[in-house]
Amino acid sequence: SDNPDSSQPSKARNVQREVDQVVGIMQQNINKVMEREERLDTLQTKTEELNEGARQFRRGATEVRKKMWWRDMKLKLIIAAIVIILIVVIV
């Protein structure tokens, strides 16, 4: 037991155990990073889809606004024409 060589296998086992623990932790960290990257990819895809949906909504809203403006303008022109015709008929 006083022989320094007798403790070498024990030290080697301890070092190997620590190395195994570190390797296990590293593997867990790598798996977590890969899972996080997958979630980020999914999030990016959803963000792109939302942006496209927002663009389409804006285009649709602009189109509806133009249609409503024209409809309102036509109504005003018809009313103005009727008023002018009434004035011409009365005078």
Protein backbone atom coordinates (compact mmCIF):
# COMPACT_ATOMS: atom_id res chain seq x y z
CA SER A 1 0.00 0.00 0.00
CA ASP A 2 3.07 2.22 0.47
CA ASN A 3 4.00 1.51 -3.12
CA PRO A 4 3.17 4.62 -5.22
CA ASP A 5 2.51 2.41 -8.24
CA SER A 6 -0.46 0.74 -6.52
CA SER A 7 -2.51 3.98 -6.60
CA GLN A 8 -2.00 4.49 -10.34
CA PRO A 9 -4.88 2.25 -11.50
CA SER A 10 -7.21 3.99 -9.04
CA LYS A 11 -6.14 7.42 -10.31
CA ALA A 12 -6.58 6.27 -13.89
CA ARG A 13 -10.08 5.03 -13.10
CA ASN A 14 -10.94 8.35 -11.44
CA VAL A 15 -9.62 10.29 -14.41
CA GLN A 16 -11.51 8.02 -16.82
CA ARG A 17 -14.70 8.47 -14.78
CA GLU A 18 -14.29 12.27 -14.89
CA VAL A 19 -13.61 12.15 -18.63
CA ASP A 20 -16.74 10.02 -19.12
CA GLN A 21 -18.78 12.52 -17.10
CA VAL A 22 -17.44 15.43 -19.16
CA VAL A 23 -18.17 13.55 -22.40
CA GLY A 24 -21.72 12.86 -21.20
CA ILE A 25 -22.26 16.52 -20.33
CA MET A 26 -20.83 17.60 -23.68
CA GLN A 27 -23.18 15.22 -25.52
CA GLN A 28 -26.15 16.59 -23.59
CA ASN A 29 -25.09 20.15 -24.44
CA ILE A 30 -24.71 19.27 -28.12
CA ASN A 31 -28.18 17.68 -28.13
CA LYS A 32 -29.64 20.78 -26.46
CA VAL A 33 -27.97 23.05 -29.02
CA MET A 34 -29.33 20.93 -31.89
CA GLU A 35 -32.85 20.99 -30.39
CA ARG A 36 -32.59 24.76 -29.96
CA GLU A 37 -31.48 25.14 -33.57
CA GLU A 38 -34.49 23.10 -34.72
CA ARG A 39 -36.81 25.30 -32.67
CA LEU A 40 -35.19 28.42 -34.10
CA ASP A 41 -35.63 27.08 -37.64
CA THR A 42 -39.30 26.40 -36.92
CA LEU A 43 -39.70 29.86 -35.43
CA GLN A 44 -38.03 31.47 -38.44
CA THR A 45 -40.35 29.58 -40.81
CA LYS A 46 -43.41 30.68 -38.84
CA THR A 47 -42.13 34.27 -38.81
CA GLU A 48 -41.69 34.23 -42.59
CA GLU A 49 -45.21 32.83 -42.99
CA LEU A 50 -46.61 35.57 -40.73
CA ASN A 51 -44.76 38.25 -42.70
CA GLU A 52 -46.18 36.93 -45.97
CA GLY A 53 -49.67 36.83 -44.45
CA ALA A 54 -49.26 40.41 -43.27
CA ARG A 55 -48.16 41.51 -46.76
CA GLN A 56 -51.18 39.83 -48.34
CA PHE A 57 -53.46 41.42 -45.76
CA ARG A 58 -52.03 44.87 -46.49
CA ARG A 59 -52.49 44.35 -50.24
CA GLY A 60 -56.07 43.22 -49.69
CA ALA A 61 -56.80 46.14 -47.37
CA THR A 62 -55.38 48.62 -49.88
CA GLU A 63 -57.49 47.08 -52.64
CA VAL A 64 -60.65 47.26 -50.51
CA ARG A 65 -59.88 50.87 -49.57
CA LYS A 66 -59.52 51.82 -53.26
CA LYS A 67 -62.78 50.06 -54.16
CA MET A 68 -64.61 51.81 -51.34
CA TRP A 69 -63.15 55.20 -52.39
CA TRP A 70 -64.35 54.68 -55.98
CA ARG A 71 -67.78 53.56 -54.78
CA ASP A 72 -68.03 56.66 -52.58
CA MET A 73 -66.83 58.90 -55.42
CA LYS A 74 -69.40 57.41 -57.86
CA LEU A 75 -72.17 58.04 -55.33
CA LYS A 76 -71.06 61.66 -54.88
CA LEU A 77 -70.93 62.18 -58.66
CA ILE A 78 -74.42 60.72 -59.08
CA ILE A 79 -75.80 62.97 -56.33
CA ALA A 80 -74.05 66.00 -57.88
CA ALA A 81 -75.48 65.13 -61.31
CA ILE A 82 -79.00 64.80 -59.87
CA VAL A 83 -78.66 68.15 -58.08
CA ILE A 84 -77.42 69.82 -61.29
CA ILE A 85 -80.27 68.29 -63.31
CA LEU A 86 -82.80 69.48 -60.71
CA ILE A 87 -81.35 72.99 -60.78
CA VAL A 88 -81.47 73.05 -64.61
CA VAL A 89 -85.06 71.76 -64.62
CA ILE A 90 -86.20 74.24 -61.97
CA VAL A 91 -84.51 77.23 -63.57
